[in-house]
Structure formats: C-alpha cells, structure tokens
PDB file of N, CA and C in Angstrom:
ATOM      1  N   MET A   1      71.055 102.816 111.032  1.00  0.00           N
ATOM      2  CA  MET A   1      71.900 103.968 111.257  1.00  0.00           C
ATOM      3  C   MET A   1      72.950 104.014 110.145  1.00  0.00           C
ATOM      4  N   PRO A   2      72.982 105.105 109.356  1.00  0.00           N
ATOM      5  CA  PRO A   2      73.938 105.205 108.252  1.00  0.00           C
ATOM      6  C   PRO A   2      75.383 105.304 108.753  1.00  0.00           C
ATOM      7  N   LEU A   3      76.261 104.614 108.025  1.00  0.00           N
ATOM      8  CA  LEU A   3      77.686 104.756 108.320  1.00  0.00           C
ATOM      9  C   LEU A   3      78.139 106.149 107.893  1.00  0.00           C
ATOM     10  N   PHE A   4      79.222 106.608 108.479  1.00  0.00           N
ATOM     11  CA  PHE A   4      79.849 107.885 108.120  1.00  0.00           C
ATOM     12  C   PHE A   4      79.001 109.104 108.449  1.00  0.00           C
ATOM     13  N   GLU A   5      78.100 108.963 109.423  1.00  0.00           N
ATOM     14  CA  GLU A   5      77.342 110.118 109.903  1.00  0.00           C
ATOM     15  C   GLU A   5      77.439 110.187 111.418  1.00  0.00           C
ATOM     16  N   SER A   6      77.086 111.323 111.983  1.00  0.00           N
ATOM     17  CA  SER A   6      77.283 111.583 113.411  1.00  0.00           C
ATOM     18  C   SER A   6      76.700 110.521 114.342  1.00  0.00           C
ATOM     19  N   PRO A   7      75.477 110.021 114.143  1.00  0.00           N
ATOM     20  CA  PRO A   7      74.951 109.006 115.071  1.00  0.00           C
ATOM     21  C   PRO A   7      75.817 107.738 115.121  1.00  0.00           C
ATOM     22  N   PHE A   8      76.307 107.294 113.971  1.00  0.00           N
ATOM     23  CA  PHE A   8      77.171 106.119 113.943  1.00  0.00           C
ATOM     24  C   PHE A   8      78.486 106.411 114.662  1.00  0.00           C
ATOM     25  N   PHE A   9      79.065 107.570 114.391  1.00  0.00           N
ATOM     26  CA  PHE A   9      80.329 107.922 115.039  1.00  0.00           C
ATOM     27  C   PHE A   9      80.150 108.074 116.547  1.00  0.00           C
ATOM     28  N   ALA A  10      79.000 108.567 116.970  1.00  0.00           N
ATOM     29  CA  ALA A  10      78.734 108.684 118.411  1.00  0.00           C
ATOM     30  C   ALA A  10      78.654 107.295 119.052  1.00  0.00           C
ATOM     31  N   ALA A  11      78.052 106.342 118.356  1.00  0.00           N
ATOM     32  CA  ALA A  11      77.991 104.969 118.873  1.00  0.00           C
ATOM     33  C   ALA A  11      79.395 104.374 118.966  1.00  0.00           C
ATOM     34  N   CYS A  12      80.220 104.651 117.986  1.00  0.00           N
ATOM     35  CA  CYS A  12      81.611 104.171 118.018  1.00  0.00           C
ATOM     36  C   CYS A  12      82.356 104.807 119.185  1.00  0.00           C
ATOM     37  N   ARG A  13      82.129 106.091 119.402  1.00  0.00           N
ATOM     38  CA  ARG A  13      82.792 106.789 120.511  1.00  0.00           C
ATOM     39  C   ARG A  13      82.417 106.160 121.850  1.00  0.00           C
ATOM     40  N   ARG A  14      81.147 105.832 122.019  1.00  0.00           N
ATOM     41  CA  ARG A  14      80.702 105.204 123.264  1.00  0.00           C
ATOM     42  C   ARG A  14      81.348 103.830 123.464  1.00  0.00           C
ATOM     43  N   ALA A  15      81.664 103.144 122.374  1.00  0.00           N
ATOM     44  CA  ALA A  15      82.249 101.805 122.460  1.00  0.00           C
ATOM     45  C   ALA A  15      83.752 101.835 122.780  1.00  0.00           C
ATOM     46  N   LEU A  16      84.380 102.988 122.609  1.00  0.00           N
ATOM     47  CA  LEU A  16      85.815 103.092 122.854  1.00  0.00           C
ATOM     48  C   LEU A  16      86.133 103.172 124.345  1.00  0.00           C
ATOM     49  N   ARG A  17      87.265 102.634 124.710  1.00  0.00           N
ATOM     50  CA  ARG A  17      87.785 102.835 126.064  1.00  0.00           C
ATOM     51  C   ARG A  17      88.299 104.266 126.167  1.00  0.00           C
ATOM     52  N   LYS A  18      88.495 104.744 127.369  1.00  0.00           N
ATOM     53  CA  LYS A  18      89.075 106.071 127.574  1.00  0.00           C
ATOM     54  C   LYS A  18      90.427 106.112 126.872  1.00  0.00           C
ATOM     55  N   GLY A  19      90.643 107.150 126.096  1.00  0.00           N
ATOM     56  CA  GLY A  19      91.892 107.293 125.351  1.00  0.00           C
ATOM     57  C   GLY A  19      91.905 106.531 124.040  1.00  0.00           C
ATOM     58  N   GLY A  20      90.787 105.851 123.706  1.00  0.00           N
ATOM     59  CA  GLY A  20      90.722 105.065 122.482  1.00  0.00           C
ATOM     60  C   GLY A  20      90.711 105.936 121.235  1.00  0.00           C
ATOM     61  N   ILE A  21      91.082 105.314 120.128  1.00  0.00           N
ATOM     62  CA  ILE A  21      91.133 106.007 118.842  1.00  0.00           C
ATOM     63  C   ILE A  21      90.244 105.269 117.851  1.00  0.00           C
ATOM     64  N   TYR A  22      89.368 106.007 117.202  1.00  0.00           N
ATOM     65  CA  TYR A  22      88.543 105.470 116.135  1.00  0.00           C
ATOM     66  C   TYR A  22      89.284 105.738 114.823  1.00  0.00           C
ATOM     67  N   ALA A  23      89.420 104.740 113.962  1.00  0.00           N
ATOM     68  CA  ALA A  23      90.081 104.912 112.671  1.00  0.00           C
ATOM     69  C   ALA A  23      89.238 104.263 111.586  1.00  0.00           C
ATOM     70  N   THR A  24      89.169 104.922 110.432  1.00  0.00           N
ATOM     71  CA  THR A  24      88.406 104.372 109.311  1.00  0.00           C
ATOM     72  C   THR A  24      88.933 104.948 108.001  1.00  0.00           C
ATOM     73  N   GLN A  25      88.549 104.318 106.918  1.00  0.00           N
ATOM     74  CA  GLN A  25      88.826 104.877 105.591  1.00  0.00           C
ATOM     75  C   GLN A  25      87.707 105.857 105.274  1.00  0.00           C
ATOM     76  N   CYS A  26      88.003 106.837 104.440  1.00  0.00           N
ATOM     77  CA  CYS A  26      86.935 107.783 104.101  1.00  0.00           C
ATOM     78  C   CYS A  26      86.917 108.142 102.619  1.00  0.00           C
ATOM     79  N   GLY A  27      87.487 107.287 101.779  1.00  0.00           N
ATOM     80  CA  GLY A  27      87.344 107.470 100.342  1.00  0.00           C
ATOM     81  C   GLY A  27      88.512 108.164  99.671  1.00  0.00           C
ATOM     82  N   SER A  28      88.381 108.311  98.384  1.00  0.00           N
ATOM     83  CA  SER A  28      89.408 108.954  97.579  1.00  0.00           C
ATOM     84  C   SER A  28      89.269 110.471  97.669  1.00  0.00           C
ATOM     85  N   PRO A  29      90.353 111.169  98.037  1.00  0.00           N
ATOM     86  CA  PRO A  29      90.271 112.625  98.075  1.00  0.00           C
ATOM     87  C   PRO A  29      90.218 113.232  96.671  1.00  0.00           C
ATOM     88  N   VAL A  30      90.506 112.412  95.665  1.00  0.00           N
ATOM     89  CA  VAL A  30      90.457 112.864  94.279  1.00  0.00           C
ATOM     90  C   VAL A  30      89.053 112.678  93.708  1.00  0.00           C
ATOM     91  N   LEU A  31      88.480 111.500  93.922  1.00  0.00           N
ATOM     92  CA  LEU A  31      87.194 111.165  93.304  1.00  0.00           C
ATOM     93  C   LEU A  31      85.978 111.394  94.204  1.00  0.00           C
ATOM     94  N   PHE A  32      86.167 111.371  95.514  1.00  0.00           N
ATOM     95  CA  PHE A  32      85.038 111.452  96.446  1.00  0.00           C
ATOM     96  C   PHE A  32      85.231 112.585  97.454  1.00  0.00           C
ATOM     97  N   GLN A  33      85.528 113.770  96.954  1.00  0.00           N
ATOM     98  CA  GLN A  33      85.818 114.908  97.835  1.00  0.00           C
ATOM     99  C   GLN A  33      84.664 115.224  98.769  1.00  0.00           C
ATOM    100  N   LYS A  34      83.444 115.151  98.286  1.00  0.00           N
ATOM    101  CA  LYS A  34      82.277 115.457  99.119  1.00  0.00           C
ATOM    102  C   LYS A  34      82.175 114.457 100.278  1.00  0.00           C
ATOM    103  N   GLU A  35      82.380 113.169  99.997  1.00  0.00           N
ATOM    104  CA  GLU A  35      82.327 112.133 101.028  1.00  0.00           C
ATOM    105  C   GLU A  35      83.421 112.350 102.079  1.00  0.00           C
ATOM    106  N   VAL A  36      84.617 112.649 101.624  1.00  0.00           N
ATOM    107  CA  VAL A  36      85.744 112.868 102.540  1.00  0.00           C
ATOM    108  C   VAL A  36      85.448 114.056 103.458  1.00  0.00           C
ATOM    109  N   ARG A  37      84.960 115.143 102.898  1.00  0.00           N
ATOM    110  CA  ARG A  37      84.625 116.329 103.712  1.00  0.00           C
ATOM    111  C   ARG A  37      83.492 116.029 104.686  1.00  0.00           C
ATOM    112  N   SER A  38      82.513 115.248 104.247  1.00  0.00           N
ATOM    113  CA  SER A  38      81.383 114.908 105.104  1.00  0.00           C
ATOM    114  C   SER A  38      81.828 114.071 106.310  1.00  0.00           C
ATOM    115  N   VAL A  39      82.664 113.072 106.070  1.00  0.00           N
ATOM    116  CA  VAL A  39      83.167 112.246 107.167  1.00  0.00           C
ATOM    117  C   VAL A  39      83.923 113.124 108.157  1.00  0.00           C
ATOM    118  N   ASP A  40      84.767 113.989 107.658  1.00  0.00           N
ATOM    119  CA  ASP A  40      85.540 114.890 108.518  1.00  0.00           C
ATOM    120  C   ASP A  40      84.603 115.765 109.351  1.00  0.00           C
ATOM    121  N   HIS A  41      83.587 116.316 108.723  1.00  0.00           N
ATOM    122  CA  HIS A  41      82.612 117.179 109.412  1.00  0.00           C
ATOM    123  C   HIS A  41      81.886 116.421 110.530  1.00  0.00           C
ATOM    124  N   HIS A  42      81.376 115.233 110.217  1.00  0.00           N
ATOM    125  CA  HIS A  42      80.622 114.469 111.207  1.00  0.00           C
ATOM    126  C   HIS A  42      81.510 113.998 112.365  1.00  0.00           C
ATOM    127  N   LEU A  43      82.734 113.599 112.059  1.00  0.00           N
ATOM    128  CA  LEU A  43      83.635 113.177 113.143  1.00  0.00           C
ATOM    129  C   LEU A  43      83.945 114.333 114.082  1.00  0.00           C
ATOM    130  N   ARG A  44      84.132 115.515 113.532  1.00  0.00           N
ATOM    131  CA  ARG A  44      84.445 116.685 114.366  1.00  0.00           C
ATOM    132  C   ARG A  44      83.259 117.114 115.228  1.00  0.00           C
ATOM    133  N   GLN A  45      82.055 116.709 114.857  1.00  0.00           N
ATOM    134  CA  GLN A  45      80.883 116.976 115.696  1.00  0.00           C
ATOM    135  C   GLN A  45      80.850 116.060 116.909  1.00  0.00           C
ATOM    136  N   VAL A  46      81.504 114.907 116.816  1.00  0.00           N
ATOM    137  CA  VAL A  46      81.416 113.884 117.854  1.00  0.00           C
ATOM    138  C   VAL A  46      82.679 113.805 118.715  1.00  0.00           C
ATOM    139  N   PHE A  47      83.837 113.886 118.092  1.00  0.00           N
ATOM    140  CA  PHE A  47      85.113 113.725 118.787  1.00  0.00           C
ATOM    141  C   PHE A  47      85.809 115.072 118.977  1.00  0.00           C
ATOM    142  N   ALA A  48      86.659 115.132 119.985  1.00  0.00           N
ATOM    143  CA  ALA A  48      87.413 116.361 120.250  1.00  0.00           C
ATOM    144  C   ALA A  48      88.436 116.638 119.160  1.00  0.00           C
ATOM    145  N   GLU A  49      88.962 115.584 118.567  1.00  0.00           N
ATOM    146  CA  GLU A  49      89.987 115.764 117.534  1.00  0.00           C
ATOM    147  C   GLU A  49      89.803 114.716 116.441  1.00  0.00           C
ATOM    148  N   ALA A  50      90.006 115.139 115.202  1.00  0.00           N
ATOM    149  CA  ALA A  50      89.979 114.231 114.056  1.00  0.00           C
ATOM    150  C   ALA A  50      91.106 114.634 113.120  1.00  0.00           C
ATOM    151  N   ARG A  51      91.820 113.631 112.605  1.00  0.00           N
ATOM    152  CA  ARG A  51      92.923 113.893 111.674  1.00  0.00           C
ATOM    153  C   ARG A  51      92.823 112.968 110.488  1.00  0.00           C
ATOM    154  N   ARG A  52      92.898 113.578 109.324  1.00  0.00           N
ATOM    155  CA  ARG A  52      92.879 112.794 108.092  1.00  0.00           C
ATOM    156  C   ARG A  52      94.311 112.535 107.650  1.00  0.00           C
ATOM    157  N   TYR A  53      94.518 111.410 107.004  1.00  0.00           N
ATOM    158  CA  TYR A  53      95.826 111.110 106.449  1.00  0.00           C
ATOM    159  C   TYR A  53      95.633 110.346 105.147  1.00  0.00           C
ATOM    160  N   LEU A  54      96.686 110.314 104.353  1.00  0.00           N
ATOM    161  CA  LEU A  54      96.618 109.698 103.034  1.00  0.00           C
ATOM    162  C   LEU A  54      97.475 108.441 102.974  1.00  0.00           C
ATOM    163  N   GLY A  55      97.092 107.554 102.097  1.00  0.00           N
ATOM    164  CA  GLY A  55      97.886 106.362 101.839  1.00  0.00           C
ATOM    165  C   GLY A  55      97.727 105.961 100.385  1.00  0.00           C
ATOM    166  N   LEU A  56      98.730 105.283  99.871  1.00  0.00           N
ATOM    167  CA  LEU A  56      98.669 104.781  98.510  1.00  0.00           C
ATOM    168  C   LEU A  56      97.949 103.440  98.511  1.00  0.00           C
ATOM    169  N   MET A  57      96.988 103.310  97.630  1.00  0.00           N
ATOM    170  CA  MET A  57      96.211 102.077  97.538  1.00  0.00           C
ATOM    171  C   MET A  57      96.011 101.795  96.044  1.00  0.00           C
ATOM    172  N   PRO A  58      97.009 101.188  95.409  1.00  0.00           N
ATOM    173  CA  PRO A  58      96.961 101.017  93.948  1.00  0.00           C
ATOM    174  C   PRO A  58      95.725 100.284  93.430  1.00  0.00           C
ATOM    175  N   SER A  59      95.122  99.422  94.229  1.00  0.00           N
ATOM    176  CA  SER A  59      93.958  98.677  93.749  1.00  0.00           C
ATOM    177  C   SER A  59      92.650  99.462  93.885  1.00  0.00           C
ATOM    178  N   TYR A  60      92.690 100.645  94.495  1.00  0.00           N
ATOM    179  CA  TYR A  60      91.487 101.469  94.640  1.00  0.00           C
ATOM    180  C   TYR A  60      91.473 102.546  93.557  1.00  0.00           C
ATOM    181  N   PRO A  61      90.297 103.064  93.219  1.00  0.00           N
ATOM    182  CA  PRO A  61      90.225 104.138  92.222  1.00  0.00           C
ATOM    183  C   PRO A  61      91.092 105.329  92.626  1.00  0.00           C
ATOM    184  N   SER A  62      91.838 105.851  91.747  1.00  0.00           N
ATOM    185  CA  SER A  62      92.744 106.996  91.868  1.00  0.00           C
ATOM    186  C   SER A  62      94.068 106.634  92.521  1.00  0.00           C
ATOM    187  N   GLY A  63      94.168 105.532  93.239  1.00  0.00           N
ATOM    188  CA  GLY A  63      95.431 105.125  93.855  1.00  0.00           C
ATOM    189  C   GLY A  63      95.754 105.824  95.159  1.00  0.00           C
ATOM    190  N   VAL A  64      95.099 106.934  95.446  1.00  0.00           N
ATOM    191  CA  VAL A  64      95.301 107.671  96.699  1.00  0.00           C
ATOM    192  C   VAL A  64      94.023 107.542  97.509  1.00  0.00           C
ATOM    193  N   TRP A  65      94.153 107.178  98.776  1.00  0.00           N
ATOM    194  CA  TRP A  65      92.976 106.974  99.614  1.00  0.00           C
ATOM    195  C   TRP A  65      93.132 107.768 100.894  1.00  0.00           C
ATOM    196  N   SER A  66      92.006 108.241 101.419  1.00  0.00           N
ATOM    197  CA  SER A  66      91.993 108.984 102.680  1.00  0.00           C
ATOM    198  C   SER A  66      91.566 108.085 103.821  1.00  0.00           C
ATOM    199  N   TYR A  67      92.162 108.321 104.945  1.00  0.00           N
ATOM    200  CA  TYR A  67      91.820 107.637 106.190  1.00  0.00           C
ATOM    201  C   TYR A  67      91.675 108.725 107.242  1.00  0.00           C
ATOM    202  N   VAL A  68      91.039 108.396 108.340  1.00  0.00           N
ATOM    203  CA  VAL A  68      90.874 109.397 109.396  1.00  0.00           C
ATOM    204  C   VAL A  68      90.933 108.699 110.754  1.00  0.00           C
ATOM    205  N   MET A  69      91.537 109.392 111.706  1.00  0.00           N
ATOM    206  CA  MET A  69      91.560 108.954 113.101  1.00  0.00           C
ATOM    207  C   MET A  69      90.824 110.007 113.904  1.00  0.00           C
ATOM    208  N   ALA A  70      90.112 109.578 114.938  1.00  0.00           N
ATOM    209  CA  ALA A  70      89.403 110.519 115.793  1.00  0.00           C
ATOM    210  C   ALA A  70      89.481 110.031 117.234  1.00  0.00           C
ATOM    211  N   SER A  71      89.538 110.989 118.151  1.00  0.00           N
ATOM    212  CA  SER A  71      89.645 110.652 119.566  1.00  0.00           C
ATOM    213  C   SER A  71      89.261 111.867 120.398  1.00  0.00           C
ATOM    214  N   ASP A  72      88.998 111.610 121.665  1.00  0.00           N
ATOM    215  CA  ASP A  72      88.812 112.721 122.594  1.00  0.00           C
ATOM    216  C   ASP A  72      90.133 113.101 123.252  1.00  0.00           C
ATOM    217  N   GLU A  73      91.176 112.352 122.946  1.00  0.00           N
ATOM    218  CA  GLU A  73      92.531 112.616 123.437  1.00  0.00           C
ATOM    219  C   GLU A  73      93.355 113.173 122.281  1.00  0.00           C
ATOM    220  N   PRO A  74      94.436 113.908 122.581  1.00  0.00           N
ATOM    221  CA  PRO A  74      95.288 114.424 121.500  1.00  0.00           C
ATOM    222  C   PRO A  74      95.839 113.293 120.627  1.00  0.00           C
ATOM    223  N   LEU A  75      95.866 113.523 119.324  1.00  0.00           N
ATOM    224  CA  LEU A  75      96.362 112.533 118.381  1.00  0.00           C
ATOM    225  C   LEU A  75      97.794 112.811 117.924  1.00  0.00           C
ATOM    226  N   SER A  76      98.373 113.887 118.401  1.00  0.00           N
ATOM    227  CA  SER A  76      99.722 114.244 117.996  1.00  0.00           C
ATOM    228  C   SER A  76     100.748 113.336 118.657  1.00  0.00           C
ATOM    229  N   ILE A  77     101.783 113.000 117.910  1.00  0.00           N
ATOM    230  CA  ILE A  77     102.900 112.220 118.435  1.00  0.00           C
ATOM    231  C   ILE A  77     104.149 112.699 117.695  1.00  0.00           C
ATOM    232  N   THR A  78     105.226 112.871 118.420  1.00  0.00           N
ATOM    233  CA  THR A  78     106.451 113.335 117.780  1.00  0.00           C
ATOM    234  C   THR A  78     107.082 112.206 116.978  1.00  0.00           C
ATOM    235  N   LEU A  79     107.869 112.586 116.006  1.00  0.00           N
ATOM    236  CA  LEU A  79     108.582 111.589 115.210  1.00  0.00           C
ATOM    237  C   LEU A  79     109.520 110.779 116.092  1.00  0.00           C
ATOM    238  N   ASP A  80     110.170 111.423 117.059  1.00  0.00           N
ATOM    239  CA  ASP A  80     111.075 110.704 117.963  1.00  0.00           C
ATOM    240  C   ASP A  80     110.328 109.640 118.772  1.00  0.00           C
ATOM    241  N   GLU A  81     109.149 109.978 119.285  1.00  0.00           N
ATOM    242  CA  GLU A  81     108.360 109.017 120.065  1.00  0.00           C
ATOM    243  C   GLU A  81     107.892 107.870 119.182  1.00  0.00           C
ATOM    244  N   LEU A  82     107.452 108.195 117.990  1.00  0.00           N
ATOM    245  CA  LEU A  82     107.009 107.158 117.064  1.00  0.00           C
ATOM    246  C   LEU A  82     108.175 106.237 116.691  1.00  0.00           C
ATOM    247  N   ALA A  83     109.335 106.810 116.436  1.00  0.00           N
ATOM    248  CA  ALA A  83     110.520 106.013 116.096  1.00  0.00           C
ATOM    249  C   ALA A  83     110.916 105.107 117.264  1.00  0.00           C
ATOM    250  N   ARG A  84     110.794 105.617 118.483  1.00  0.00           N
ATOM    251  CA  ARG A  84     111.116 104.805 119.655  1.00  0.00           C
ATOM    252  C   ARG A  84     110.188 103.601 119.750  1.00  0.00           C
ATOM    253  N   ARG A  85     108.887 103.829 119.576  1.00  0.00           N
ATOM    254  CA  ARG A  85     107.920 102.732 119.634  1.00  0.00           C
ATOM    255  C   ARG A  85     108.164 101.719 118.521  1.00  0.00           C
ATOM    256  N   TYR A  86     108.477 102.203 117.343  1.00  0.00           N
ATOM    257  CA  TYR A  86     108.760 101.351 116.191  1.00  0.00           C
ATOM    258  C   TYR A  86     109.970 100.459 116.484  1.00  0.00           C
ATOM    259  N   ALA A  87     111.027 101.065 117.011  1.00  0.00           N
ATOM    260  CA  ALA A  87     112.253 100.319 117.336  1.00  0.00           C
ATOM    261  C   ALA A  87     112.012  99.308 118.451  1.00  0.00           C
ATOM    262  N   GLU A  88     111.261  99.692 119.485  1.00  0.00           N
ATOM    263  CA  GLU A  88     110.962  98.780 120.602  1.00  0.00           C
ATOM    264  C   GLU A  88     110.301  97.493 120.117  1.00  0.00           C
ATOM    265  N   ARG A  89     109.515  97.612 119.084  1.00  0.00           N
ATOM    266  CA  ARG A  89     108.779  96.458 118.567  1.00  0.00           C
ATOM    267  C   ARG A  89     109.563  95.724 117.480  1.00  0.00           C
ATOM    268  N   SER A  90     110.762  96.216 117.174  1.00  0.00           N
ATOM    269  CA  SER A  90     111.616  95.621 116.129  1.00  0.00           C
ATOM    270  C   SER A  90     110.866  95.448 114.813  1.00  0.00           C
ATOM    271  N   LEU A  91     110.098  96.456 114.451  1.00  0.00           N
ATOM    272  CA  LEU A  91     109.316  96.367 113.221  1.00  0.00           C
ATOM    273  C   LEU A  91     110.218  96.500 111.992  1.00  0.00           C
ATOM    274  N   LYS A  92     109.954  95.685 111.008  1.00  0.00           N
ATOM    275  CA  LYS A  92     110.636  95.746 109.720  1.00  0.00           C
ATOM    276  C   LYS A  92     109.556  95.550 108.653  1.00  0.00           C
ATOM    277  N   LEU A  93     108.905  96.628 108.319  1.00  0.00           N
ATOM    278  CA  LEU A  93     107.763  96.576 107.414  1.00  0.00           C
ATOM    279  C   LEU A  93     108.167  97.051 106.021  1.00  0.00           C
ATOM    280  N   SER A  94     107.466  96.601 105.007  1.00  0.00           N
ATOM    281  CA  SER A  94     107.840  96.946 103.638  1.00  0.00           C
ATOM    282  C   SER A  94     107.371  98.346 103.216  1.00  0.00           C
ATOM    283  N   TYR A  95     106.419  98.931 103.907  1.00  0.00           N
ATOM    284  CA  TYR A  95     105.920 100.255 103.517  1.00  0.00           C
ATOM    285  C   TYR A  95     105.971 101.242 104.685  1.00  0.00           C
ATOM    286  N   TYR A  96     105.417 100.843 105.808  1.00  0.00           N
ATOM    287  CA  TYR A  96     105.244 101.763 106.930  1.00  0.00           C
ATOM    288  C   TYR A  96     106.545 101.997 107.688  1.00  0.00           C
ATOM    289  N   THR A  97     106.831 103.267 107.935  1.00  0.00           N
ATOM    290  CA  THR A  97     107.927 103.689 108.809  1.00  0.00           C
ATOM    291  C   THR A  97     107.414 104.891 109.599  1.00  0.00           C
ATOM    292  N   PRO A  98     108.101 105.275 110.659  1.00  0.00           N
ATOM    293  CA  PRO A  98     107.675 106.488 111.368  1.00  0.00           C
ATOM    294  C   PRO A  98     107.629 107.711 110.450  1.00  0.00           C
ATOM    295  N   GLU A  99     108.569 107.797 109.523  1.00  0.00           N
ATOM    296  CA  GLU A  99     108.590 108.937 108.598  1.00  0.00           C
ATOM    297  C   GLU A  99     107.392 108.915 107.653  1.00  0.00           C
ATOM    298  N   VAL A 100     107.022 107.720 107.165  1.00  0.00           N
ATOM    299  CA  VAL A 100     105.839 107.603 106.304  1.00  0.00           C
ATOM    300  C   VAL A 100     104.588 107.985 107.096  1.00  0.00           C
ATOM    301  N   HIS A 101     104.516 107.543 108.353  1.00  0.00           N
ATOM    302  CA  HIS A 101     103.381 107.883 109.214  1.00  0.00           C
ATOM    303  C   HIS A 101     103.245 109.400 109.334  1.00  0.00           C
ATOM    304  N   GLN A 102     104.340 110.059 109.650  1.00  0.00           N
ATOM    305  CA  GLN A 102     104.302 111.508 109.829  1.00  0.00           C
ATOM    306  C   GLN A 102     103.944 112.209 108.520  1.00  0.00           C
ATOM    307  N   ALA A 103     104.525 111.776 107.423  1.00  0.00           N
ATOM    308  CA  ALA A 103     104.272 112.417 106.130  1.00  0.00           C
ATOM    309  C   ALA A 103     102.840 112.198 105.647  1.00  0.00           C
ATOM    310  N   SER A 104     102.223 111.089 106.016  1.00  0.00           N
ATOM    311  CA  SER A 104     100.872 110.780 105.543  1.00  0.00           C
ATOM    312  C   SER A 104      99.839 111.794 106.038  1.00  0.00           C
ATOM    313  N   GLY A 105     100.164 112.519 107.095  1.00  0.00           N
ATOM    314  CA  GLY A 105      99.246 113.524 107.618  1.00  0.00           C
ATOM    315  C   GLY A 105      99.345 114.869 106.940  1.00  0.00           C
ATOM    316  N   VAL A 106     100.282 115.004 106.016  1.00  0.00           N
ATOM    317  CA  VAL A 106     100.420 116.249 105.267  1.00  0.00           C
ATOM    318  C   VAL A 106      99.550 116.138 104.013  1.00  0.00           C
ATOM    319  N   ILE A 107      98.481 116.897 104.010  1.00  0.00           N
ATOM    320  CA  ILE A 107      97.511 116.827 102.910  1.00  0.00           C
ATOM    321  C   ILE A 107      97.777 117.977 101.940  1.00  0.00           C
ATOM    322  N   PRO A 108      98.105 117.678 100.664  1.00  0.00           N
ATOM    323  CA  PRO A 108      98.337 118.751  99.692  1.00  0.00           C
ATOM    324  C   PRO A 108      97.095 119.641  99.548  1.00  0.00           C
ATOM    325  N   PRO A 109      97.302 120.928  99.325  1.00  0.00           N
ATOM    326  CA  PRO A 109      96.155 121.852  99.209  1.00  0.00           C
ATOM    327  C   PRO A 109      95.085 121.378  98.226  1.00  0.00           C
ATOM    328  N   ALA A 110      95.475 120.797  97.106  1.00  0.00           N
ATOM    329  CA  ALA A 110      94.496 120.363  96.107  1.00  0.00           C
ATOM    330  C   ALA A 110      93.597 119.254  96.633  1.00  0.00           C
ATOM    331  N   LEU A 111      94.034 118.530  97.682  1.00  0.00           N
ATOM    332  CA  LEU A 111      93.246 117.431  98.218  1.00  0.00           C
ATOM    333  C   LEU A 111      92.589 117.767  99.552  1.00  0.00           C
ATOM    334  N   GLN A 112      92.826 118.973 100.044  1.00  0.00           N
ATOM    335  CA  GLN A 112      92.206 119.372 101.317  1.00  0.00           C
ATOM    336  C   GLN A 112      90.758 119.701 101.074  1.00  0.00           C
TER     337      GLN A 112
END
C-alpha cells in the first residue's frame, strides 16, 4: 500500500481513537508542489478535516517544509486556548510557541 494515498490514510484513520489526529510531513511546498497537493487531496477524501502548516527545516531542501494534520473532529483551536495549554505545561521551548503554532497555518498564496 503506497504511502500518501487514500488507502494508507484510511488505514491510519481506522487506527486512530475517536477524536484522534493524524499528522505527517508532506514535502517542500517550493520543490514538491505536486506531492503536497496530492497529500492534501487524498487526506480530504478520507478525513472530515485536513490542515496544512509550514515549518522551517534548514537541513531539508528549500528550508521550508509542509506538514498536515487530519481528523474527523474540528482542528481549530483559539490562540487563548493554546496559550493556556502551553502555560499549564510550563513549556519553555526554543522555537515553538502558541503564536508560532497559529502563524504556521497561514500559507502564503505562492505556496498554496
């Protein structure tokens, strides 16, 4: 069964608990636009919601990498809720913050 196609994503969906979230990388939006669009298409055939987000990955080609989350439950979360969860866990990370999380979901038109 090929990765990044609907049958594989359907198997992943079956393995998730209710409310679970599937997350994966889906390539460079600069160098692998066709692959990124294909993953998005196949996930949307299987899950109720899929959201792509970007991250900086200096060791990967182009330095910008796409990731995607998919679920049958809503994936939206407010910045206030995310900040509350972050604070509850006393996280002090060198890159990730609630603001970075929220901003990573904003995909520039050239990379959509």
